[in-house]
N, C-alpha and C. Protein backbone atom coordinates (compact mmCIF):
# COMPACT_ATOMS: atom_id res chain seq x y z
N MET A 1 20.74 -3.77 8.10
CA MET A 1 19.98 -2.79 8.84
C MET A 1 18.61 -2.60 8.18
N GLU A 2 17.58 -2.61 8.99
CA GLU A 2 16.21 -2.48 8.48
C GLU A 2 15.89 -1.02 8.14
N GLN A 3 15.26 -0.83 7.00
CA GLN A 3 14.87 0.51 6.55
C GLN A 3 13.62 0.96 7.31
N ARG A 4 13.63 2.19 7.80
CA ARG A 4 12.47 2.73 8.52
C ARG A 4 11.40 3.14 7.53
N ASP A 5 10.18 3.07 7.96
CA ASP A 5 9.04 3.48 7.15
C ASP A 5 8.76 4.95 7.44
N LEU A 6 9.18 5.84 6.52
CA LEU A 6 9.02 7.28 6.72
C LEU A 6 7.55 7.66 6.90
N ALA A 7 6.67 7.02 6.15
CA ALA A 7 5.25 7.33 6.27
C ALA A 7 4.77 7.07 7.70
N GLU A 8 5.14 5.94 8.26
CA GLU A 8 4.75 5.62 9.64
C GLU A 8 5.34 6.61 10.63
N ASP A 9 6.58 7.02 10.39
CA ASP A 9 7.20 8.03 11.27
C ASP A 9 6.42 9.33 11.23
N LEU A 10 6.05 9.79 10.04
CA LEU A 10 5.32 11.06 9.92
C LEU A 10 3.93 10.97 10.54
N ILE A 11 3.27 9.85 10.36
CA ILE A 11 1.95 9.67 10.98
C ILE A 11 2.07 9.66 12.50
N SER A 12 3.09 9.00 13.00
CA SER A 12 3.32 8.95 14.45
C SER A 12 3.60 10.35 15.01
N LEU A 13 4.43 11.13 14.31
CA LEU A 13 4.72 12.49 14.76
C LEU A 13 3.46 13.33 14.81
N LYS A 14 2.61 13.18 13.80
CA LYS A 14 1.35 13.94 13.76
C LYS A 14 0.46 13.54 14.94
N GLU A 15 0.34 12.26 15.16
CA GLU A 15 -0.56 11.77 16.20
C GLU A 15 -0.06 12.09 17.60
N HIS A 16 1.25 12.28 17.75
CA HIS A 16 1.80 12.59 19.07
C HIS A 16 2.10 14.08 19.26
N ASN A 17 1.75 14.90 18.24
CA ASN A 17 1.87 16.35 18.35
C ASN A 17 3.26 16.77 18.83
N ASP A 18 4.28 16.35 18.10
CA ASP A 18 5.65 16.59 18.53
C ASP A 18 6.01 18.08 18.53
N PHE A 19 7.01 18.41 19.30
CA PHE A 19 7.44 19.80 19.51
C PHE A 19 7.82 20.49 18.20
N TRP A 20 8.65 19.84 17.37
CA TRP A 20 9.12 20.47 16.14
C TRP A 20 7.94 20.82 15.24
N THR A 21 7.07 19.87 15.01
CA THR A 21 5.93 20.10 14.12
C THR A 21 5.03 21.19 14.67
N LYS A 22 4.75 21.14 15.93
CA LYS A 22 3.89 22.13 16.58
C LYS A 22 4.48 23.54 16.46
N SER A 23 5.78 23.68 16.73
CA SER A 23 6.45 24.98 16.66
C SER A 23 6.50 25.50 15.22
N ARG A 24 6.88 24.64 14.29
CA ARG A 24 6.95 25.02 12.87
C ARG A 24 5.58 25.47 12.38
N ASP A 25 4.55 24.73 12.75
CA ASP A 25 3.19 25.05 12.31
C ASP A 25 2.73 26.42 12.80
N GLU A 26 3.08 26.74 14.03
CA GLU A 26 2.68 28.04 14.57
C GLU A 26 3.28 29.19 13.76
N VAL A 27 4.54 29.04 13.38
CA VAL A 27 5.21 30.07 12.58
C VAL A 27 4.58 30.15 11.20
N LEU A 28 4.43 29.02 10.53
CA LEU A 28 3.88 29.01 9.17
C LEU A 28 2.43 29.48 9.15
N LYS A 29 1.67 29.11 10.15
CA LYS A 29 0.26 29.52 10.21
C LYS A 29 0.15 31.05 10.24
N LYS A 30 1.06 31.70 10.93
CA LYS A 30 1.05 33.16 11.00
C LYS A 30 1.46 33.79 9.67
N LEU A 31 2.35 33.13 8.93
CA LEU A 31 2.87 33.68 7.68
C LEU A 31 1.95 33.46 6.48
N ILE A 32 1.15 32.39 6.51
CA ILE A 32 0.31 32.04 5.37
C ILE A 32 -1.09 32.57 5.60
N SER A 33 -1.48 33.53 4.76
CA SER A 33 -2.78 34.16 4.97
C SER A 33 -3.68 34.09 3.75
N GLU A 34 -3.16 33.62 2.62
CA GLU A 34 -3.96 33.58 1.40
C GLU A 34 -3.94 32.22 0.76
N GLY A 35 -5.07 31.83 0.25
CA GLY A 35 -5.18 30.59 -0.51
C GLY A 35 -5.63 30.92 -1.92
N PRO A 36 -5.68 29.94 -2.74
CA PRO A 36 -5.44 28.55 -2.41
C PRO A 36 -3.96 28.27 -2.16
N VAL A 37 -3.73 27.23 -1.33
CA VAL A 37 -2.39 26.82 -0.94
C VAL A 37 -2.11 25.45 -1.54
N LEU A 38 -0.90 25.26 -2.04
CA LEU A 38 -0.44 23.94 -2.47
C LEU A 38 0.57 23.46 -1.44
N ASP A 39 0.22 22.41 -0.72
CA ASP A 39 1.08 21.83 0.30
C ASP A 39 1.84 20.65 -0.32
N ILE A 40 3.04 20.93 -0.81
CA ILE A 40 3.86 19.92 -1.47
C ILE A 40 4.61 19.12 -0.41
N GLY A 41 4.57 17.80 -0.54
CA GLY A 41 5.19 16.94 0.47
C GLY A 41 4.38 17.00 1.75
N CYS A 42 3.07 16.89 1.58
CA CYS A 42 2.13 17.09 2.69
C CYS A 42 2.31 16.09 3.82
N GLY A 43 2.99 14.98 3.55
CA GLY A 43 3.20 13.99 4.61
C GLY A 43 1.88 13.52 5.19
N ALA A 44 1.76 13.57 6.51
CA ALA A 44 0.55 13.13 7.19
C ALA A 44 -0.50 14.23 7.29
N GLY A 45 -0.29 15.32 6.57
CA GLY A 45 -1.31 16.37 6.50
C GLY A 45 -1.34 17.34 7.66
N VAL A 46 -0.24 17.45 8.38
CA VAL A 46 -0.21 18.34 9.54
C VAL A 46 -0.49 19.79 9.13
N MET A 47 0.28 20.31 8.16
CA MET A 47 0.07 21.70 7.73
C MET A 47 -1.25 21.82 6.96
N THR A 48 -1.59 20.83 6.18
CA THR A 48 -2.86 20.84 5.47
C THR A 48 -4.00 21.07 6.46
N GLU A 49 -4.02 20.29 7.50
CA GLU A 49 -5.08 20.40 8.50
C GLU A 49 -5.05 21.75 9.20
N THR A 50 -3.85 22.21 9.57
CA THR A 50 -3.70 23.50 10.25
C THR A 50 -4.25 24.64 9.38
N LEU A 51 -3.89 24.63 8.10
CA LEU A 51 -4.33 25.71 7.20
C LEU A 51 -5.82 25.60 6.87
N MET A 52 -6.34 24.40 6.77
CA MET A 52 -7.78 24.24 6.53
C MET A 52 -8.57 24.76 7.73
N LYS A 53 -8.08 24.51 8.94
CA LYS A 53 -8.75 25.02 10.14
C LYS A 53 -8.74 26.55 10.16
N LYS A 54 -7.76 27.13 9.49
CA LYS A 54 -7.66 28.59 9.38
C LYS A 54 -8.63 29.12 8.31
N GLY A 55 -9.29 28.21 7.60
CA GLY A 55 -10.27 28.60 6.59
C GLY A 55 -9.71 28.72 5.18
N LEU A 56 -8.49 28.25 4.97
CA LEU A 56 -7.88 28.35 3.65
C LEU A 56 -8.19 27.12 2.80
N GLU A 57 -8.28 27.34 1.50
CA GLU A 57 -8.43 26.24 0.55
C GLU A 57 -7.04 25.65 0.34
N VAL A 58 -6.91 24.34 0.56
CA VAL A 58 -5.60 23.69 0.49
C VAL A 58 -5.67 22.48 -0.44
N TYR A 59 -4.68 22.39 -1.30
CA TYR A 59 -4.46 21.21 -2.13
C TYR A 59 -3.19 20.56 -1.60
N SER A 60 -3.22 19.26 -1.42
CA SER A 60 -2.10 18.55 -0.81
C SER A 60 -1.56 17.51 -1.77
N THR A 61 -0.24 17.36 -1.79
CA THR A 61 0.37 16.35 -2.64
C THR A 61 1.59 15.75 -1.96
N ASP A 62 1.82 14.48 -2.26
CA ASP A 62 2.99 13.79 -1.75
C ASP A 62 3.38 12.71 -2.74
N ILE A 63 4.60 12.23 -2.64
CA ILE A 63 5.09 11.18 -3.52
C ILE A 63 4.79 9.78 -2.95
N ASP A 64 4.41 9.73 -1.68
CA ASP A 64 4.16 8.46 -0.99
C ASP A 64 2.65 8.18 -0.95
N LEU A 65 2.23 7.09 -1.58
CA LEU A 65 0.81 6.74 -1.66
C LEU A 65 0.18 6.55 -0.28
N LYS A 66 0.91 5.96 0.64
CA LYS A 66 0.39 5.75 2.00
C LYS A 66 0.05 7.10 2.66
N LEU A 67 0.92 8.09 2.47
CA LEU A 67 0.67 9.42 3.05
C LEU A 67 -0.45 10.14 2.32
N VAL A 68 -0.54 9.97 1.01
CA VAL A 68 -1.64 10.57 0.24
C VAL A 68 -2.97 10.00 0.74
N ASP A 69 -3.04 8.69 0.90
CA ASP A 69 -4.27 8.06 1.39
C ASP A 69 -4.62 8.56 2.79
N TYR A 70 -3.61 8.71 3.64
CA TYR A 70 -3.83 9.20 5.01
C TYR A 70 -4.35 10.64 4.99
N THR A 71 -3.71 11.50 4.22
CA THR A 71 -4.09 12.92 4.18
C THR A 71 -5.42 13.12 3.46
N LYS A 72 -5.72 12.26 2.52
CA LYS A 72 -6.99 12.38 1.78
C LYS A 72 -8.19 12.26 2.73
N ARG A 73 -8.01 11.60 3.86
CA ARG A 73 -9.09 11.51 4.85
C ARG A 73 -9.36 12.89 5.47
N LEU A 74 -8.36 13.76 5.46
CA LEU A 74 -8.50 15.12 6.00
C LEU A 74 -8.91 16.11 4.92
N ASN A 75 -8.41 15.86 3.70
CA ASN A 75 -8.58 16.81 2.61
C ASN A 75 -8.80 16.06 1.30
N GLU A 76 -10.00 16.16 0.77
CA GLU A 76 -10.30 15.45 -0.49
C GLU A 76 -9.46 15.96 -1.66
N LYS A 77 -8.88 17.15 -1.52
CA LYS A 77 -8.05 17.74 -2.58
C LYS A 77 -6.60 17.31 -2.41
N THR A 78 -6.39 16.02 -2.22
CA THR A 78 -5.05 15.45 -2.03
C THR A 78 -4.76 14.52 -3.19
N PHE A 79 -3.55 14.63 -3.75
CA PHE A 79 -3.21 13.80 -4.89
C PHE A 79 -1.75 13.36 -4.84
N LEU A 80 -1.48 12.27 -5.52
CA LEU A 80 -0.16 11.69 -5.61
C LEU A 80 0.61 12.37 -6.74
N SER A 81 1.84 12.81 -6.45
CA SER A 81 2.67 13.37 -7.52
C SER A 81 4.12 13.43 -7.09
N ASP A 82 4.97 13.41 -8.10
CA ASP A 82 6.40 13.64 -7.93
C ASP A 82 6.63 15.04 -8.48
N ILE A 83 6.90 16.00 -7.62
CA ILE A 83 6.98 17.39 -8.09
C ILE A 83 8.15 17.63 -9.03
N THR A 84 9.13 16.73 -9.03
CA THR A 84 10.22 16.90 -9.99
C THR A 84 9.77 16.54 -11.39
N ALA A 85 8.60 15.90 -11.52
CA ALA A 85 8.08 15.51 -12.83
C ALA A 85 6.74 16.18 -13.13
N LEU A 86 6.28 17.07 -12.27
CA LEU A 86 4.99 17.73 -12.44
C LEU A 86 5.16 18.97 -13.31
N SER A 87 4.68 18.88 -14.53
CA SER A 87 4.83 19.98 -15.49
C SER A 87 3.66 20.95 -15.39
N LYS A 88 3.81 22.11 -16.00
CA LYS A 88 2.71 23.08 -16.06
C LYS A 88 1.51 22.48 -16.77
N GLU A 89 1.78 21.66 -17.78
CA GLU A 89 0.69 21.01 -18.53
C GLU A 89 -0.08 20.05 -17.63
N GLU A 90 0.64 19.31 -16.79
CA GLU A 90 0.00 18.37 -15.86
C GLU A 90 -0.85 19.12 -14.84
N ILE A 91 -0.34 20.24 -14.37
CA ILE A 91 -1.10 21.06 -13.42
C ILE A 91 -2.39 21.53 -14.06
N LYS A 92 -2.31 22.00 -15.31
CA LYS A 92 -3.51 22.44 -16.02
C LYS A 92 -4.47 21.28 -16.24
N LYS A 93 -3.91 20.11 -16.61
CA LYS A 93 -4.72 18.92 -16.88
C LYS A 93 -5.50 18.49 -15.64
N GLN A 94 -4.90 18.63 -14.47
CA GLN A 94 -5.55 18.24 -13.23
C GLN A 94 -6.56 19.28 -12.76
N GLY A 95 -6.63 20.41 -13.47
CA GLY A 95 -7.60 21.44 -13.11
C GLY A 95 -7.26 22.17 -11.82
N LEU A 96 -5.99 22.25 -11.52
CA LEU A 96 -5.57 22.93 -10.30
C LEU A 96 -5.62 24.44 -10.50
N PRO A 97 -5.95 25.17 -9.45
CA PRO A 97 -6.03 26.63 -9.56
C PRO A 97 -4.65 27.26 -9.56
N LYS A 98 -4.62 28.55 -9.77
CA LYS A 98 -3.37 29.31 -9.61
C LYS A 98 -3.21 29.52 -8.10
N PHE A 99 -2.10 29.08 -7.56
CA PHE A 99 -1.90 29.10 -6.11
C PHE A 99 -1.32 30.43 -5.65
N LYS A 100 -1.84 30.92 -4.55
CA LYS A 100 -1.30 32.13 -3.91
C LYS A 100 -0.10 31.77 -3.05
N THR A 101 -0.11 30.55 -2.51
CA THR A 101 0.96 30.10 -1.64
C THR A 101 1.33 28.67 -1.99
N VAL A 102 2.64 28.42 -2.11
CA VAL A 102 3.14 27.06 -2.32
C VAL A 102 4.06 26.76 -1.14
N LEU A 103 3.76 25.66 -0.48
CA LEU A 103 4.46 25.31 0.75
C LEU A 103 5.26 24.03 0.57
N LEU A 104 6.52 24.07 0.98
CA LEU A 104 7.40 22.89 1.00
C LEU A 104 8.01 22.82 2.40
N ALA A 105 7.20 22.47 3.38
CA ALA A 105 7.66 22.44 4.77
C ALA A 105 8.40 21.14 5.06
N ASP A 106 9.67 21.24 5.38
CA ASP A 106 10.52 20.07 5.65
C ASP A 106 10.54 19.12 4.46
N VAL A 107 10.65 19.67 3.26
CA VAL A 107 10.57 18.84 2.05
C VAL A 107 11.81 18.98 1.18
N ILE A 108 12.19 20.18 0.84
CA ILE A 108 13.21 20.41 -0.20
C ILE A 108 14.53 19.69 0.12
N GLU A 109 14.87 19.57 1.39
CA GLU A 109 16.12 18.91 1.75
C GLU A 109 16.10 17.40 1.49
N HIS A 110 14.92 16.85 1.20
CA HIS A 110 14.78 15.42 0.92
C HIS A 110 14.71 15.12 -0.58
N ILE A 111 14.74 16.15 -1.40
CA ILE A 111 14.60 15.98 -2.84
C ILE A 111 15.96 16.06 -3.51
N GLU A 112 16.33 15.00 -4.19
CA GLU A 112 17.63 14.96 -4.86
C GLU A 112 17.72 16.02 -5.96
N LYS A 113 16.67 16.14 -6.77
CA LYS A 113 16.64 17.13 -7.85
C LYS A 113 15.92 18.39 -7.34
N ASP A 114 16.49 19.01 -6.33
CA ASP A 114 15.81 20.13 -5.69
C ASP A 114 15.59 21.34 -6.60
N THR A 115 16.56 21.64 -7.47
CA THR A 115 16.36 22.79 -8.37
C THR A 115 15.27 22.49 -9.40
N VAL A 116 15.17 21.26 -9.83
CA VAL A 116 14.08 20.87 -10.75
C VAL A 116 12.75 21.03 -10.05
N ALA A 117 12.69 20.58 -8.80
CA ALA A 117 11.45 20.69 -8.03
C ALA A 117 11.03 22.16 -7.86
N LEU A 118 11.98 23.02 -7.59
CA LEU A 118 11.65 24.43 -7.39
C LEU A 118 11.18 25.12 -8.68
N LYS A 119 11.73 24.70 -9.81
CA LYS A 119 11.29 25.27 -11.08
C LYS A 119 9.85 24.88 -11.34
């Protein structure tokens, strides 16, 4: 059985404005009112773009280089990282601000070490 390309799936969903993404974004957009925001598992940058249009400062990160490159076209503050290995020291080293909001939209259920990621 051929493995699907998750990055391509996420890009396709973004480009076709699917129901789930659109509905989820509307709810999150109403709840998130302060930046800077860290969009962990930014995927194709759907929430990144939505929050930037709202005027918020957004930093985006993903573990998939293809998705980071895609989202970087929308947001120059996009970087590659594995949040299960991202330490406080690494955050300081990258010069990232103290975030008012950290977003993991449709992400945590895909992380094997979910408690490590949340810490």
